[in-house]
N, C-alpha and C. Protein backbone atom coordinates (compact mmCIF):
# COMPACT_ATOMS: atom_id res chain seq x y z
N MET A 1 0.84 -1.18 0.00
CA MET A 1 0.00 0.00 0.00
C MET A 1 0.89 1.24 0.00
N GLU A 2 0.57 2.18 -0.83
CA GLU A 2 1.35 3.41 -0.93
C GLU A 2 0.83 4.42 0.08
N SER A 3 1.72 5.01 0.85
CA SER A 3 1.31 6.01 1.82
C SER A 3 1.49 7.40 1.22
N ASN A 4 0.77 8.36 1.76
CA ASN A 4 0.93 9.71 1.23
C ASN A 4 2.14 10.38 1.88
N PHE A 5 2.48 11.54 1.35
CA PHE A 5 3.68 12.26 1.79
C PHE A 5 3.65 12.55 3.29
N PHE A 6 2.55 13.10 3.79
CA PHE A 6 2.48 13.43 5.22
C PHE A 6 2.68 12.18 6.07
N ASP A 7 2.08 11.06 5.68
CA ASP A 7 2.25 9.82 6.45
C ASP A 7 3.70 9.39 6.50
N ARG A 8 4.41 9.50 5.38
CA ARG A 8 5.83 9.14 5.35
C ARG A 8 6.63 10.07 6.25
N VAL A 9 6.31 11.36 6.22
CA VAL A 9 6.98 12.33 7.09
C VAL A 9 6.72 11.98 8.55
N TYR A 10 5.47 11.67 8.89
CA TYR A 10 5.13 11.35 10.28
C TYR A 10 5.83 10.08 10.75
N GLU A 11 5.96 9.13 9.85
CA GLU A 11 6.64 7.88 10.21
C GLU A 11 8.08 8.15 10.63
N VAL A 12 8.75 9.04 9.93
CA VAL A 12 10.13 9.40 10.26
C VAL A 12 10.16 10.27 11.52
N ALA A 13 9.30 11.28 11.57
CA ALA A 13 9.30 12.21 12.70
C ALA A 13 9.02 11.50 14.02
N ALA A 14 8.22 10.46 13.98
CA ALA A 14 7.91 9.71 15.20
C ALA A 14 9.14 9.00 15.76
N LEU A 15 10.18 8.86 14.96
CA LEU A 15 11.39 8.15 15.38
C LEU A 15 12.52 9.06 15.86
N ILE A 16 12.31 10.37 15.81
CA ILE A 16 13.37 11.28 16.26
C ILE A 16 13.59 11.04 17.75
N PRO A 17 14.79 10.69 18.14
CA PRO A 17 15.03 10.36 19.55
C PRO A 17 14.86 11.57 20.48
N TYR A 18 14.46 11.27 21.69
CA TYR A 18 14.38 12.25 22.77
C TYR A 18 15.74 12.92 22.90
N GLY A 19 15.73 14.24 23.02
CA GLY A 19 16.99 14.97 23.20
C GLY A 19 17.76 15.22 21.92
N ARG A 20 17.14 14.97 20.78
CA ARG A 20 17.78 15.19 19.48
C ARG A 20 16.84 16.01 18.61
N VAL A 21 17.37 16.61 17.57
CA VAL A 21 16.57 17.34 16.60
C VAL A 21 16.99 16.93 15.19
N THR A 22 16.11 17.17 14.26
CA THR A 22 16.43 16.99 12.86
C THR A 22 15.89 18.19 12.10
N SER A 23 16.10 18.21 10.80
CA SER A 23 15.66 19.35 10.01
C SER A 23 14.57 18.92 9.03
N TYR A 24 13.83 19.91 8.57
CA TYR A 24 12.81 19.67 7.55
C TYR A 24 13.46 19.04 6.31
N GLY A 25 14.61 19.56 5.92
CA GLY A 25 15.29 19.06 4.74
C GLY A 25 15.79 17.64 4.88
N ALA A 26 16.28 17.29 6.07
CA ALA A 26 16.76 15.92 6.29
C ALA A 26 15.61 14.93 6.15
N ILE A 27 14.44 15.29 6.68
CA ILE A 27 13.28 14.40 6.53
C ILE A 27 12.87 14.34 5.06
N ALA A 28 12.84 15.48 4.40
CA ALA A 28 12.46 15.50 2.98
C ALA A 28 13.38 14.59 2.16
N ARG A 29 14.68 14.69 2.39
CA ARG A 29 15.63 13.83 1.66
C ARG A 29 15.36 12.36 1.95
N PHE A 30 15.08 12.04 3.21
CA PHE A 30 14.86 10.65 3.56
C PHE A 30 13.63 10.06 2.86
N VAL A 31 12.57 10.85 2.76
CA VAL A 31 11.36 10.33 2.13
C VAL A 31 11.39 10.43 0.61
N GLY A 32 12.53 10.84 0.07
CA GLY A 32 12.70 10.85 -1.37
C GLY A 32 12.17 12.09 -2.07
N ALA A 33 12.07 13.18 -1.32
CA ALA A 33 11.57 14.43 -1.90
C ALA A 33 12.47 15.57 -1.45
N ALA A 34 13.71 15.52 -1.88
CA ALA A 34 14.75 16.42 -1.38
C ALA A 34 14.40 17.90 -1.46
N ASN A 35 13.60 18.29 -2.41
CA ASN A 35 13.25 19.70 -2.56
C ASN A 35 11.95 20.07 -1.86
N SER A 36 11.51 19.25 -0.93
CA SER A 36 10.21 19.45 -0.30
C SER A 36 10.29 19.75 1.19
N ALA A 37 11.34 20.44 1.62
CA ALA A 37 11.46 20.78 3.04
C ALA A 37 10.26 21.59 3.52
N ARG A 38 9.78 22.49 2.68
CA ARG A 38 8.61 23.30 3.06
C ARG A 38 7.38 22.42 3.28
N MET A 39 7.23 21.39 2.46
CA MET A 39 6.10 20.47 2.64
C MET A 39 6.22 19.69 3.93
N VAL A 40 7.45 19.37 4.34
CA VAL A 40 7.65 18.74 5.64
C VAL A 40 7.18 19.69 6.73
N GLY A 41 7.47 20.97 6.57
CA GLY A 41 6.99 21.97 7.52
C GLY A 41 5.47 21.99 7.59
N TYR A 42 4.82 21.91 6.44
CA TYR A 42 3.36 21.86 6.43
C TYR A 42 2.85 20.62 7.16
N ALA A 43 3.54 19.51 6.97
CA ALA A 43 3.15 18.28 7.66
C ALA A 43 3.30 18.44 9.17
N MET A 44 4.39 19.06 9.60
CA MET A 44 4.60 19.28 11.03
C MET A 44 3.50 20.18 11.59
N ASN A 45 3.14 21.22 10.84
CA ASN A 45 2.07 22.12 11.29
C ASN A 45 0.74 21.38 11.42
N ALA A 46 0.50 20.43 10.52
CA ALA A 46 -0.76 19.68 10.52
C ALA A 46 -0.78 18.58 11.58
N SER A 47 0.34 18.34 12.23
CA SER A 47 0.41 17.24 13.20
C SER A 47 0.03 17.67 14.62
N VAL A 48 -0.58 18.84 14.74
CA VAL A 48 -0.88 19.40 16.06
C VAL A 48 -1.68 18.45 16.95
N ASN A 49 -2.53 17.64 16.40
CA ASN A 49 -3.34 16.71 17.19
C ASN A 49 -2.78 15.29 17.18
N ARG A 50 -1.51 15.17 16.90
CA ARG A 50 -0.85 13.87 16.85
C ARG A 50 0.19 13.78 17.96
N PRO A 51 -0.17 13.27 19.12
CA PRO A 51 0.80 13.20 20.23
C PRO A 51 1.98 12.27 19.95
N ASP A 52 1.86 11.41 18.93
CA ASP A 52 2.96 10.51 18.58
C ASP A 52 4.02 11.20 17.73
N ILE A 53 3.76 12.43 17.30
CA ILE A 53 4.69 13.17 16.46
C ILE A 53 5.31 14.30 17.29
N ALA A 54 6.60 14.22 17.50
CA ALA A 54 7.31 15.25 18.27
C ALA A 54 7.76 16.36 17.32
N ALA A 55 6.82 17.13 16.83
CA ALA A 55 7.12 18.17 15.85
C ALA A 55 8.09 19.21 16.39
N HIS A 56 8.16 19.35 17.69
CA HIS A 56 9.09 20.32 18.28
C HIS A 56 10.54 19.95 18.02
N ARG A 57 10.79 18.71 17.65
CA ARG A 57 12.16 18.26 17.37
C ARG A 57 12.59 18.51 15.93
N VAL A 58 11.75 19.16 15.15
CA VAL A 58 12.09 19.44 13.75
C VAL A 58 12.32 20.95 13.62
N VAL A 59 13.52 21.30 13.21
CA VAL A 59 13.95 22.70 13.11
C VAL A 59 14.48 22.96 11.70
N ASN A 60 14.84 24.19 11.42
CA ASN A 60 15.36 24.43 10.08
C ASN A 60 16.82 24.00 9.98
N ARG A 61 17.39 24.10 8.81
CA ARG A 61 18.74 23.56 8.54
C ARG A 61 19.83 24.22 9.36
N ASN A 62 19.55 25.38 9.94
CA ASN A 62 20.52 26.08 10.78
C ASN A 62 20.25 25.91 12.27
N GLY A 63 19.25 25.10 12.59
CA GLY A 63 18.91 24.89 13.99
C GLY A 63 17.96 25.93 14.56
N LEU A 64 17.39 26.77 13.70
CA LEU A 64 16.45 27.78 14.17
C LEU A 64 15.08 27.18 14.41
N LEU A 65 14.40 27.66 15.44
CA LEU A 65 13.06 27.19 15.77
C LEU A 65 12.05 27.92 14.89
N SER A 66 12.12 27.67 13.62
CA SER A 66 11.32 28.40 12.64
C SER A 66 9.83 28.07 12.74
N GLY A 67 9.46 26.97 13.35
CA GLY A 67 8.05 26.60 13.48
C GLY A 67 7.45 26.93 14.83
N LYS A 68 8.15 27.70 15.64
CA LYS A 68 7.71 27.92 17.02
C LYS A 68 6.34 28.56 17.14
N HIS A 69 5.94 29.37 16.18
CA HIS A 69 4.65 30.04 16.28
C HIS A 69 3.47 29.07 16.11
N HIS A 70 3.72 27.83 15.75
CA HIS A 70 2.66 26.83 15.59
C HIS A 70 2.41 26.05 16.88
N PHE A 71 3.05 26.42 17.96
CA PHE A 71 2.93 25.68 19.20
C PHE A 71 2.05 26.35 20.25
N GLY A 72 1.27 27.32 19.86
CA GLY A 72 0.32 27.92 20.77
C GLY A 72 0.89 28.88 21.80
N GLY A 73 2.13 29.17 21.72
CA GLY A 73 2.77 30.09 22.64
C GLY A 73 4.18 30.36 22.17
N SER A 74 4.68 31.51 22.46
CA SER A 74 5.97 31.90 21.90
C SER A 74 7.15 31.07 22.41
N THR A 75 7.01 30.42 23.56
CA THR A 75 8.14 29.65 24.08
C THR A 75 7.86 28.15 24.22
N VAL A 76 6.71 27.69 23.75
CA VAL A 76 6.35 26.28 23.94
C VAL A 76 7.37 25.35 23.28
N MET A 77 7.71 25.61 22.03
CA MET A 77 8.67 24.75 21.32
C MET A 77 10.01 24.76 22.05
N GLU A 78 10.46 25.95 22.41
CA GLU A 78 11.73 26.08 23.14
C GLU A 78 11.67 25.35 24.47
N ASP A 79 10.57 25.50 25.19
CA ASP A 79 10.43 24.84 26.50
C ASP A 79 10.46 23.32 26.36
N LEU A 80 9.79 22.80 25.33
CA LEU A 80 9.80 21.36 25.10
C LEU A 80 11.22 20.85 24.82
N LEU A 81 11.94 21.57 23.97
CA LEU A 81 13.31 21.16 23.65
C LEU A 81 14.21 21.27 24.88
N LYS A 82 14.08 22.34 25.62
CA LYS A 82 14.89 22.49 26.84
C LYS A 82 14.59 21.39 27.85
N SER A 83 13.33 20.96 27.92
CA SER A 83 12.98 19.88 28.85
C SER A 83 13.66 18.57 28.48
N GLU A 84 14.13 18.47 27.24
CA GLU A 84 14.85 17.29 26.77
C GLU A 84 16.36 17.48 26.84
N GLY A 85 16.79 18.61 27.41
CA GLY A 85 18.21 18.86 27.59
C GLY A 85 18.88 19.58 26.44
N ILE A 86 18.10 20.05 25.48
CA ILE A 86 18.66 20.77 24.34
C ILE A 86 18.79 22.23 24.71
N LYS A 87 19.96 22.78 24.48
CA LYS A 87 20.21 24.19 24.80
C LYS A 87 19.75 25.07 23.64
N ILE A 88 19.00 26.12 23.99
CA ILE A 88 18.47 27.06 23.00
C ILE A 88 18.90 28.46 23.40
N THR A 89 19.41 29.21 22.46
CA THR A 89 19.75 30.62 22.66
C THR A 89 19.23 31.40 21.47
N ASN A 90 18.46 32.45 21.75
CA ASN A 90 17.91 33.29 20.67
C ASN A 90 17.20 32.45 19.60
N ASN A 91 16.36 31.52 20.05
CA ASN A 91 15.56 30.67 19.15
C ASN A 91 16.40 29.77 18.25
N GLN A 92 17.60 29.43 18.70
CA GLN A 92 18.46 28.56 17.91
C GLN A 92 19.05 27.46 18.78
N VAL A 93 19.04 26.24 18.25
CA VAL A 93 19.63 25.10 18.94
C VAL A 93 21.14 25.31 19.02
N GLN A 94 21.67 25.18 20.23
CA GLN A 94 23.10 25.27 20.44
C GLN A 94 23.70 23.87 20.30
N ASP A 95 24.96 23.80 19.92
CA ASP A 95 25.63 22.51 19.73
C ASP A 95 24.85 21.66 18.72
N PHE A 96 24.33 22.34 17.70
CA PHE A 96 23.45 21.73 16.71
C PHE A 96 24.06 20.48 16.08
N GLU A 97 25.33 20.53 15.75
CA GLU A 97 25.98 19.39 15.10
C GLU A 97 25.91 18.13 15.96
N ASN A 98 25.98 18.30 17.28
CA ASN A 98 26.00 17.13 18.17
C ASN A 98 24.61 16.62 18.54
N VAL A 99 23.59 17.45 18.46
CA VAL A 99 22.23 16.99 18.78
C VAL A 99 21.43 16.68 17.52
N PHE A 100 22.03 16.95 16.35
CA PHE A 100 21.34 16.70 15.09
C PHE A 100 21.24 15.21 14.82
N TRP A 101 20.05 14.76 14.49
CA TRP A 101 19.77 13.37 14.14
C TRP A 101 19.40 13.33 12.67
N ASP A 102 20.18 12.63 11.88
CA ASP A 102 19.94 12.56 10.44
C ASP A 102 19.33 11.21 10.09
N PRO A 103 18.04 11.19 9.72
CA PRO A 103 17.42 9.91 9.39
C PRO A 103 18.11 9.22 8.22
N ASN A 104 18.78 9.99 7.37
CA ASN A 104 19.48 9.42 6.22
C ASN A 104 20.67 8.57 6.64
N LEU A 105 21.18 8.83 7.83
CA LEU A 105 22.29 8.04 8.37
C LEU A 105 21.83 7.02 9.40
N GLU A 106 20.73 7.29 10.07
CA GLU A 106 20.28 6.47 11.19
C GLU A 106 19.24 5.42 10.83
N LEU A 107 18.51 5.62 9.75
CA LEU A 107 17.43 4.71 9.39
C LEU A 107 17.72 4.02 8.07
N ASN A 108 17.08 2.90 7.87
CA ASN A 108 17.19 2.16 6.63
C ASN A 108 15.94 2.41 5.80
N ARG A 109 16.09 3.06 4.67
CA ARG A 109 14.94 3.39 3.81
C ARG A 109 14.10 2.18 3.46
N GLU A 110 14.73 1.05 3.33
CA GLU A 110 14.01 -0.16 2.93
C GLU A 110 13.00 -0.63 3.98
N ASP A 111 13.14 -0.11 5.21
CA ASP A 111 12.19 -0.47 6.27
C ASP A 111 10.92 0.36 6.20
N PHE A 112 10.86 1.32 5.29
CA PHE A 112 9.74 2.24 5.20
C PHE A 112 8.93 2.00 3.95
N VAL A 113 7.63 2.19 4.08
CA VAL A 113 6.72 2.07 2.95
C VAL A 113 6.96 3.25 2.02
N LYS A 114 7.02 3.00 0.76
CA LYS A 114 7.21 4.06 -0.23
C LYS A 114 5.87 4.55 -0.74
């Protein structure tokens, strides 16, 4: 059965480990739509009623909390990340290289429905 784009994004986003972040672009590349980072953002915005999706762990390619306004409060996304031990300064993940989780390196594409 073929899944739609948002479902594939959610399948990956649900696997982002606690205390780690990934980027819209990394998820887009993993699901085979490298130029669709913005669509991954739309999927994260639409996941508001999905407690299995940790959308707060998805940031832009520079570690900026670009989706923070979708969390119902100006500091909710930051607070969630900080509660997982991620350091944030001026809406940007600190030590980004070390907390970045790349599904392209960590997951096997063949385990996912296309």
